[in-house]
């Protein structure tokens, strides 16, 4: 079961977009000097029980729902995320996933319009630095395009 710690509106997560950010707890990556270390622990409320209410409350204030984390990566949680994506798309909004995996975009992630991958590596810096290992991809014509450069000033 996906648990969320908090929600908020941000214009920092997806360039040129307002995001409804949902902070998912129980992160398995536990990156050294992570900017949200409190998400390493498993706590919070059931996202399944509260998602539609959160979505409706904030509906007029965002373009993209951004899931900050993916929980403990079970098949059940991945299926839950895919269902949220369908619901969000049906409501004419976009959806993003920020995950700390140092890998490619996996097939189950292809329901997301944006996917950020890459663990936080302090020596390389956050995504706003050109030296970062983190990457943000945007889906265009069913292919993912690297748009990380949009974070760089």
N, C-alpha and C. Protein backbone atom coordinates (compact mmCIF):
# COMPACT_ATOMS: atom_id res chain seq x y z
N UNK A 1 0.84 -1.17 0.00
CA UNK A 1 0.00 0.00 0.00
C UNK A 1 0.89 1.25 0.00
N UNK A 2 0.58 2.18 -0.89
CA UNK A 2 1.32 3.44 -0.93
C UNK A 2 0.85 4.35 0.20
N UNK A 3 1.83 4.88 0.92
CA UNK A 3 1.55 5.84 1.98
C UNK A 3 2.12 7.19 1.58
N UNK A 4 1.38 8.25 1.86
CA UNK A 4 1.91 9.57 1.54
C UNK A 4 2.09 10.36 2.83
N UNK A 5 3.14 11.16 2.84
CA UNK A 5 3.48 11.94 4.02
C UNK A 5 2.84 13.32 3.98
N UNK A 6 2.79 13.92 2.79
CA UNK A 6 2.22 15.25 2.64
C UNK A 6 1.97 15.54 1.17
N UNK A 7 1.29 16.66 0.91
CA UNK A 7 1.03 17.12 -0.45
C UNK A 7 1.27 18.63 -0.49
N UNK A 8 1.48 19.15 -1.69
CA UNK A 8 1.66 20.59 -1.84
C UNK A 8 1.71 20.98 -3.31
N UNK A 9 1.62 22.26 -3.56
CA UNK A 9 1.72 22.79 -4.91
C UNK A 9 3.13 23.36 -5.09
N UNK A 10 3.75 23.06 -6.25
CA UNK A 10 5.11 23.53 -6.52
C UNK A 10 5.26 23.86 -7.99
N UNK A 11 6.05 24.89 -8.28
CA UNK A 11 6.40 25.19 -9.67
C UNK A 11 7.85 24.83 -9.96
N UNK A 12 8.47 24.06 -9.06
CA UNK A 12 9.89 23.71 -9.20
C UNK A 12 10.13 22.32 -9.77
N UNK A 13 9.16 21.44 -9.73
CA UNK A 13 9.40 20.03 -10.08
C UNK A 13 9.41 19.77 -11.58
N UNK A 14 8.46 20.35 -12.30
CA UNK A 14 8.35 20.17 -13.75
C UNK A 14 8.43 21.55 -14.37
N UNK A 15 9.46 21.83 -15.16
CA UNK A 15 9.62 23.17 -15.74
C UNK A 15 8.37 23.64 -16.49
N UNK A 16 8.00 24.87 -16.23
CA UNK A 16 6.86 25.58 -16.84
C UNK A 16 5.49 25.05 -16.40
N UNK A 17 5.46 24.19 -15.40
CA UNK A 17 4.20 23.59 -14.95
C UNK A 17 4.01 23.80 -13.45
N UNK A 18 2.75 23.88 -13.05
CA UNK A 18 2.38 23.84 -11.64
C UNK A 18 2.12 22.39 -11.30
N UNK A 19 2.72 21.89 -10.24
CA UNK A 19 2.58 20.48 -9.87
C UNK A 19 1.88 20.32 -8.53
N UNK A 20 1.00 19.36 -8.48
CA UNK A 20 0.48 18.86 -7.22
C UNK A 20 1.45 17.76 -6.82
N UNK A 21 2.27 18.03 -5.82
CA UNK A 21 3.31 17.08 -5.40
C UNK A 21 2.77 16.23 -4.26
N UNK A 22 2.86 14.92 -4.45
CA UNK A 22 2.44 13.96 -3.42
C UNK A 22 3.70 13.24 -2.98
N UNK A 23 4.07 13.44 -1.72
CA UNK A 23 5.31 12.87 -1.17
C UNK A 23 5.02 11.47 -0.63
N UNK A 24 5.58 10.47 -1.31
CA UNK A 24 5.38 9.07 -0.97
C UNK A 24 6.46 8.65 0.03
N UNK A 25 6.05 8.01 1.12
CA UNK A 25 7.03 7.56 2.11
C UNK A 25 7.53 6.15 1.79
N UNK A 26 8.46 5.67 2.58
CA UNK A 26 9.08 4.35 2.47
C UNK A 26 10.00 4.24 1.26
N UNK A 27 10.78 5.29 1.01
CA UNK A 27 11.74 5.27 -0.09
C UNK A 27 12.82 4.23 0.18
N UNK A 28 13.09 3.42 -0.80
CA UNK A 28 14.08 2.36 -0.65
C UNK A 28 15.50 2.80 -0.97
N UNK A 29 15.65 3.97 -1.57
CA UNK A 29 16.97 4.39 -2.04
C UNK A 29 17.84 5.00 -0.94
N UNK A 30 17.23 5.75 -0.04
CA UNK A 30 17.92 6.31 1.12
C UNK A 30 19.26 6.96 0.75
N UNK A 31 19.21 7.86 -0.22
CA UNK A 31 20.42 8.54 -0.69
C UNK A 31 21.07 9.35 0.43
N UNK A 32 22.38 9.31 0.50
CA UNK A 32 23.12 10.08 1.48
C UNK A 32 22.84 11.57 1.25
N UNK A 33 22.54 12.29 2.31
CA UNK A 33 22.23 13.72 2.29
C UNK A 33 21.03 14.07 1.41
N UNK A 34 20.09 13.17 1.35
CA UNK A 34 18.83 13.37 0.65
C UNK A 34 18.14 14.63 1.19
N UNK A 35 17.47 15.39 0.31
CA UNK A 35 16.79 16.60 0.77
C UNK A 35 15.46 16.31 1.47
N UNK A 36 14.97 15.08 1.39
CA UNK A 36 13.75 14.69 2.11
C UNK A 36 13.97 13.37 2.85
N UNK A 37 14.91 13.34 3.80
CA UNK A 37 15.22 12.07 4.47
C UNK A 37 14.06 11.49 5.28
N UNK A 38 13.13 12.33 5.66
CA UNK A 38 11.98 11.82 6.42
C UNK A 38 11.15 10.84 5.59
N UNK A 39 11.29 10.86 4.26
CA UNK A 39 10.54 9.93 3.41
C UNK A 39 11.17 8.54 3.37
N UNK A 40 12.30 8.35 4.03
CA UNK A 40 12.93 7.03 4.09
C UNK A 40 12.08 6.07 4.92
N UNK A 41 11.37 6.60 5.90
CA UNK A 41 10.57 5.77 6.80
C UNK A 41 9.18 5.51 6.22
N UNK A 42 8.56 4.45 6.67
CA UNK A 42 7.22 4.10 6.24
C UNK A 42 6.22 4.72 7.22
N UNK A 43 5.52 5.74 6.75
CA UNK A 43 4.51 6.38 7.60
C UNK A 43 3.56 7.18 6.71
N UNK A 44 2.51 7.66 7.29
CA UNK A 44 1.56 8.49 6.57
C UNK A 44 0.23 7.81 6.38
N UNK A 45 -0.59 8.43 5.55
CA UNK A 45 -1.94 7.93 5.28
C UNK A 45 -1.97 7.16 3.96
N UNK A 46 -2.98 6.35 3.82
CA UNK A 46 -3.17 5.58 2.61
C UNK A 46 -3.50 6.51 1.44
N UNK A 47 -2.69 6.45 0.41
CA UNK A 47 -2.96 7.27 -0.77
C UNK A 47 -4.23 6.80 -1.45
N UNK A 48 -4.43 5.50 -1.49
CA UNK A 48 -5.63 4.94 -2.12
C UNK A 48 -6.90 5.50 -1.49
N UNK A 49 -6.91 5.62 -0.17
CA UNK A 49 -8.10 6.11 0.53
C UNK A 49 -8.31 7.61 0.37
N UNK A 50 -7.27 8.36 0.04
CA UNK A 50 -7.36 9.82 0.04
C UNK A 50 -7.10 10.49 -1.31
N UNK A 51 -6.68 9.72 -2.31
CA UNK A 51 -6.24 10.33 -3.56
C UNK A 51 -7.32 11.18 -4.23
N UNK A 52 -8.50 10.66 -4.39
CA UNK A 52 -9.54 11.40 -5.12
C UNK A 52 -9.90 12.69 -4.41
N UNK A 53 -9.92 12.69 -3.10
CA UNK A 53 -10.20 13.91 -2.34
C UNK A 53 -9.09 14.94 -2.55
N UNK A 54 -7.84 14.51 -2.46
CA UNK A 54 -6.70 15.41 -2.68
C UNK A 54 -6.77 15.99 -4.10
N UNK A 55 -6.99 15.13 -5.07
CA UNK A 55 -7.06 15.54 -6.48
C UNK A 55 -8.14 16.61 -6.67
N UNK A 56 -9.30 16.38 -6.10
CA UNK A 56 -10.41 17.32 -6.27
C UNK A 56 -10.19 18.64 -5.55
N UNK A 57 -9.61 18.61 -4.37
CA UNK A 57 -9.35 19.84 -3.61
C UNK A 57 -8.41 20.76 -4.38
N UNK A 58 -7.37 20.21 -4.97
CA UNK A 58 -6.34 21.01 -5.64
C UNK A 58 -6.55 21.16 -7.14
N UNK A 59 -7.59 20.59 -7.70
CA UNK A 59 -7.78 20.48 -9.14
C UNK A 59 -7.50 21.76 -9.93
N UNK A 60 -7.94 22.88 -9.46
CA UNK A 60 -7.78 24.15 -10.20
C UNK A 60 -6.40 24.78 -10.05
N UNK A 61 -5.50 24.15 -9.31
CA UNK A 61 -4.21 24.77 -9.00
C UNK A 61 -3.01 24.06 -9.60
N UNK A 62 -3.22 23.05 -10.42
CA UNK A 62 -2.07 22.31 -10.96
C UNK A 62 -2.33 21.82 -12.37
N UNK A 63 -1.21 21.56 -13.08
CA UNK A 63 -1.23 20.97 -14.42
C UNK A 63 -0.82 19.51 -14.38
N UNK A 64 0.04 19.18 -13.41
CA UNK A 64 0.68 17.87 -13.35
C UNK A 64 0.60 17.34 -11.92
N UNK A 65 0.23 16.07 -11.77
CA UNK A 65 0.36 15.39 -10.48
C UNK A 65 1.74 14.76 -10.46
N UNK A 66 2.55 15.13 -9.47
CA UNK A 66 3.93 14.63 -9.38
C UNK A 66 4.06 13.74 -8.14
N UNK A 67 4.26 12.45 -8.40
CA UNK A 67 4.50 11.51 -7.31
C UNK A 67 5.98 11.56 -6.97
N UNK A 68 6.28 12.05 -5.78
CA UNK A 68 7.66 12.17 -5.32
C UNK A 68 8.00 10.88 -4.59
N UNK A 69 8.51 9.92 -5.35
CA UNK A 69 8.83 8.61 -4.80
C UNK A 69 7.85 7.56 -5.28
N UNK A 70 8.20 6.32 -5.02
CA UNK A 70 7.38 5.22 -5.51
C UNK A 70 7.14 4.17 -4.44
N UNK A 71 7.46 4.48 -3.18
CA UNK A 71 7.25 3.52 -2.12
C UNK A 71 8.24 2.38 -2.17
N UNK A 72 7.79 1.22 -1.74
CA UNK A 72 8.72 0.09 -1.64
C UNK A 72 8.79 -0.76 -2.90
N UNK A 73 8.21 -0.28 -4.00
CA UNK A 73 8.39 -0.89 -5.32
C UNK A 73 7.77 -2.27 -5.48
N UNK A 74 6.68 -2.56 -4.79
CA UNK A 74 6.03 -3.85 -4.99
C UNK A 74 5.16 -3.80 -6.24
N UNK A 75 4.82 -4.95 -6.76
CA UNK A 75 3.94 -5.04 -7.93
C UNK A 75 2.62 -4.36 -7.62
N UNK A 76 2.10 -4.56 -6.43
CA UNK A 76 0.82 -3.96 -6.04
C UNK A 76 0.91 -2.43 -6.10
N UNK A 77 2.01 -1.88 -5.61
CA UNK A 77 2.17 -0.42 -5.62
C UNK A 77 2.34 0.10 -7.05
N UNK A 78 3.05 -0.63 -7.90
CA UNK A 78 3.20 -0.21 -9.29
C UNK A 78 1.83 -0.20 -9.98
N UNK A 79 1.03 -1.22 -9.74
CA UNK A 79 -0.32 -1.28 -10.31
C UNK A 79 -1.17 -0.12 -9.82
N UNK A 80 -1.02 0.22 -8.54
CA UNK A 80 -1.75 1.35 -7.96
C UNK A 80 -1.36 2.65 -8.67
N UNK A 81 -0.06 2.85 -8.91
CA UNK A 81 0.41 4.06 -9.60
C UNK A 81 -0.15 4.12 -11.03
N UNK A 82 -0.19 2.99 -11.71
CA UNK A 82 -0.72 2.95 -13.08
C UNK A 82 -2.20 3.34 -13.09
N UNK A 83 -2.96 2.88 -12.10
CA UNK A 83 -4.38 3.26 -12.01
C UNK A 83 -4.53 4.76 -11.78
N UNK A 84 -3.68 5.35 -10.95
CA UNK A 84 -3.74 6.79 -10.73
C UNK A 84 -3.46 7.53 -12.04
N UNK A 85 -2.49 7.04 -12.80
CA UNK A 85 -2.15 7.69 -14.08
C UNK A 85 -3.36 7.72 -15.00
N UNK A 86 -4.06 6.60 -15.10
CA UNK A 86 -5.24 6.55 -15.97
C UNK A 86 -6.29 7.54 -15.48
N UNK A 87 -6.53 7.55 -14.19
CA UNK A 87 -7.52 8.47 -13.62
C UNK A 87 -7.14 9.93 -13.91
N UNK A 88 -5.88 10.25 -13.73
CA UNK A 88 -5.39 11.62 -13.95
C UNK A 88 -5.52 12.00 -15.41
N UNK A 89 -5.10 11.11 -16.30
CA UNK A 89 -5.21 11.39 -17.74
C UNK A 89 -6.66 11.57 -18.16
N UNK A 90 -7.55 10.77 -17.61
CA UNK A 90 -8.98 10.89 -17.93
C UNK A 90 -9.53 12.25 -17.50
N UNK A 91 -8.87 12.88 -16.55
CA UNK A 91 -9.27 14.19 -16.05
C UNK A 91 -8.45 15.32 -16.68
N UNK A 92 -7.79 15.02 -17.79
CA UNK A 92 -7.07 16.00 -18.61
C UNK A 92 -5.89 16.66 -17.90
N UNK A 93 -5.28 15.93 -16.99
CA UNK A 93 -4.08 16.41 -16.32
C UNK A 93 -2.91 15.51 -16.71
N UNK A 94 -1.70 16.01 -16.50
CA UNK A 94 -0.52 15.20 -16.76
C UNK A 94 -0.03 14.59 -15.45
N UNK A 95 0.89 13.63 -15.56
CA UNK A 95 1.36 12.93 -14.38
C UNK A 95 2.87 12.69 -14.48
N UNK A 96 3.54 12.83 -13.33
CA UNK A 96 4.99 12.69 -13.27
C UNK A 96 5.39 11.76 -12.14
N UNK A 97 6.54 11.12 -12.32
CA UNK A 97 7.12 10.26 -11.29
C UNK A 97 8.56 10.70 -11.07
N UNK A 98 8.88 11.01 -9.81
CA UNK A 98 10.27 11.25 -9.41
C UNK A 98 10.71 10.01 -8.66
N UNK A 99 11.70 9.32 -9.20
CA UNK A 99 12.20 8.14 -8.48
C UNK A 99 13.72 8.22 -8.40
N UNK A 100 14.28 7.56 -7.44
CA UNK A 100 15.72 7.62 -7.21
C UNK A 100 16.47 6.47 -7.85
N UNK A 101 15.86 5.81 -8.80
CA UNK A 101 16.53 4.68 -9.45
C UNK A 101 17.61 5.18 -10.40
N UNK A 102 18.71 4.49 -10.42
CA UNK A 102 19.79 4.78 -11.37
C UNK A 102 19.67 3.80 -12.53
N UNK A 103 18.60 3.92 -13.28
CA UNK A 103 18.36 2.99 -14.37
C UNK A 103 17.60 3.68 -15.49
N UNK A 104 17.13 2.93 -16.39
CA UNK A 104 16.33 3.40 -17.50
C UNK A 104 14.86 3.52 -17.06
N UNK A 105 14.03 4.03 -17.95
CA UNK A 105 12.60 4.10 -17.68
C UNK A 105 12.02 2.71 -17.95
N UNK A 106 11.51 2.09 -16.91
CA UNK A 106 10.97 0.73 -17.02
C UNK A 106 9.59 0.76 -17.68
N UNK A 107 9.17 -0.39 -18.20
CA UNK A 107 7.91 -0.45 -18.95
C UNK A 107 6.72 0.01 -18.12
N UNK A 108 6.67 -0.30 -16.83
CA UNK A 108 5.51 0.10 -16.01
C UNK A 108 5.44 1.62 -15.85
N UNK A 109 6.55 2.33 -16.06
CA UNK A 109 6.60 3.79 -15.90
C UNK A 109 6.08 4.53 -17.13
N UNK A 110 5.78 3.83 -18.19
CA UNK A 110 5.44 4.48 -19.45
C UNK A 110 4.06 5.13 -19.46
N UNK A 111 3.31 5.01 -18.39
CA UNK A 111 2.03 5.72 -18.27
C UNK A 111 2.24 7.16 -17.80
N UNK A 112 3.46 7.50 -17.40
CA UNK A 112 3.77 8.85 -16.91
C UNK A 112 4.18 9.77 -18.06
N UNK A 113 3.77 11.02 -17.98
CA UNK A 113 4.17 12.03 -18.97
C UNK A 113 5.60 12.51 -18.72
N UNK A 114 6.01 12.48 -17.46
CA UNK A 114 7.36 12.89 -17.07
C UNK A 114 7.91 11.85 -16.12
N UNK A 115 9.19 11.53 -16.27
CA UNK A 115 9.86 10.61 -15.34
C UNK A 115 11.24 11.18 -15.02
N UNK A 116 11.50 11.35 -13.72
CA UNK A 116 12.83 11.76 -13.28
C UNK A 116 13.49 10.55 -12.67
N UNK A 117 14.69 10.24 -13.15
CA UNK A 117 15.44 9.11 -12.60
C UNK A 117 16.80 9.61 -12.12
N UNK A 118 17.38 8.83 -11.24
CA UNK A 118 18.72 9.14 -10.73
C UNK A 118 18.70 9.39 -9.24
N UNK A 119 19.54 8.67 -8.52
CA UNK A 119 19.69 8.89 -7.09
C UNK A 119 20.37 10.24 -6.86
N UNK A 120 20.18 10.78 -5.68
CA UNK A 120 20.91 12.00 -5.35
C UNK A 120 22.33 11.61 -4.98
N UNK A 121 23.29 12.14 -5.71
CA UNK A 121 24.70 11.91 -5.42
C UNK A 121 25.32 13.28 -5.11
N UNK A 122 25.61 13.49 -3.85
CA UNK A 122 26.04 14.81 -3.37
C UNK A 122 27.18 15.40 -4.20
N UNK A 123 28.16 14.58 -4.56
CA UNK A 123 29.32 15.09 -5.31
C UNK A 123 28.94 15.56 -6.72
N UNK A 124 27.81 15.09 -7.25
CA UNK A 124 27.35 15.50 -8.58
C UNK A 124 26.31 16.61 -8.52
N UNK A 125 25.70 16.77 -7.35
CA UNK A 125 24.74 17.83 -7.16
C UNK A 125 23.32 17.48 -7.60
N UNK A 126 22.38 18.37 -7.28
CA UNK A 126 20.98 18.15 -7.64
C UNK A 126 20.73 18.40 -9.13
N UNK A 127 19.54 18.14 -9.57
CA UNK A 127 19.18 18.23 -10.99
C UNK A 127 19.37 19.62 -11.58
N UNK A 128 19.41 20.65 -10.75
CA UNK A 128 19.61 22.02 -11.26
C UNK A 128 21.05 22.30 -11.65
N UNK A 129 21.96 21.37 -11.37
CA UNK A 129 23.38 21.51 -11.74
C UNK A 129 23.67 20.68 -12.98
N UNK A 130 24.46 21.21 -13.89
CA UNK A 130 24.82 20.47 -15.11
C UNK A 130 25.60 19.20 -14.81
N UNK A 131 26.23 19.12 -13.65
CA UNK A 131 27.02 17.96 -13.27
C UNK A 131 26.18 16.82 -12.70
N UNK A 132 24.90 17.05 -12.48
CA UNK A 132 24.03 16.06 -11.84
C UNK A 132 23.88 14.80 -12.69
N UNK A 133 23.74 13.68 -12.01
CA UNK A 133 23.43 12.42 -12.68
C UNK A 133 21.92 12.26 -12.87
N UNK A 134 21.12 13.10 -12.23
CA UNK A 134 19.68 13.01 -12.33
C UNK A 134 19.20 13.56 -13.66
N UNK A 135 18.14 12.96 -14.20
CA UNK A 135 17.60 13.34 -15.51
C UNK A 135 16.08 13.40 -15.44
N UNK A 136 15.52 14.39 -16.14
CA UNK A 136 14.07 14.47 -16.28
C UNK A 136 13.72 14.24 -17.74
N UNK A 137 12.80 13.31 -17.97
CA UNK A 137 12.36 12.97 -19.31
C UNK A 137 10.89 13.33 -19.49
N UNK A 138 10.55 13.81 -20.67
CA UNK A 138 9.17 14.14 -21.03
C UNK A 138 8.76 13.24 -22.18
N UNK A 139 7.55 12.66 -22.07
CA UNK A 139 7.05 11.80 -23.14
C UNK A 139 6.50 12.66 -24.27
N UNK A 140 7.01 12.43 -25.47
CA UNK A 140 6.52 13.09 -26.69
C UNK A 140 6.42 12.03 -27.77
N UNK A 141 5.25 11.86 -28.32
CA UNK A 141 5.02 10.85 -29.36
C UNK A 141 5.46 9.46 -28.91
N UNK A 142 5.12 9.12 -27.67
CA UNK A 142 5.43 7.83 -27.06
C UNK A 142 6.92 7.54 -26.92
N UNK A 143 7.75 8.57 -26.98
CA UNK A 143 9.19 8.43 -26.71
C UNK A 143 9.55 9.45 -25.64
N UNK A 144 10.57 9.12 -24.87
CA UNK A 144 10.99 10.03 -23.81
C UNK A 144 12.16 10.87 -24.26
N UNK A 145 12.00 12.18 -24.09
CA UNK A 145 13.03 13.16 -24.47
C UNK A 145 13.63 13.75 -23.18
N UNK A 146 14.93 13.81 -23.13
CA UNK A 146 15.64 14.38 -21.98
C UNK A 146 15.44 15.89 -21.97
N UNK A 147 14.78 16.42 -20.94
CA UNK A 147 14.56 17.87 -20.82
C UNK A 147 15.25 18.43 -19.57
N UNK A 148 16.25 17.73 -19.08
CA UNK A 148 16.96 18.16 -17.88
C UNK A 148 17.52 19.56 -18.02
N UNK A 149 17.96 19.92 -19.21
CA UNK A 149 18.55 21.24 -19.47
C UNK A 149 17.61 22.39 -19.04
N UNK A 150 16.31 22.13 -18.96
CA UNK A 150 15.37 23.18 -18.58
C UNK A 150 15.52 23.63 -17.13
N UNK A 151 16.21 22.83 -16.32
CA UNK A 151 16.48 23.20 -14.92
C UNK A 151 17.69 24.13 -14.79
N UNK A 152 18.53 24.14 -15.80
CA UNK A 152 19.79 24.88 -15.71
C UNK A 152 19.56 26.35 -16.05
N UNK A 153 20.08 27.20 -15.24
CA UNK A 153 19.95 28.65 -15.46
C UNK A 153 21.11 29.18 -16.26
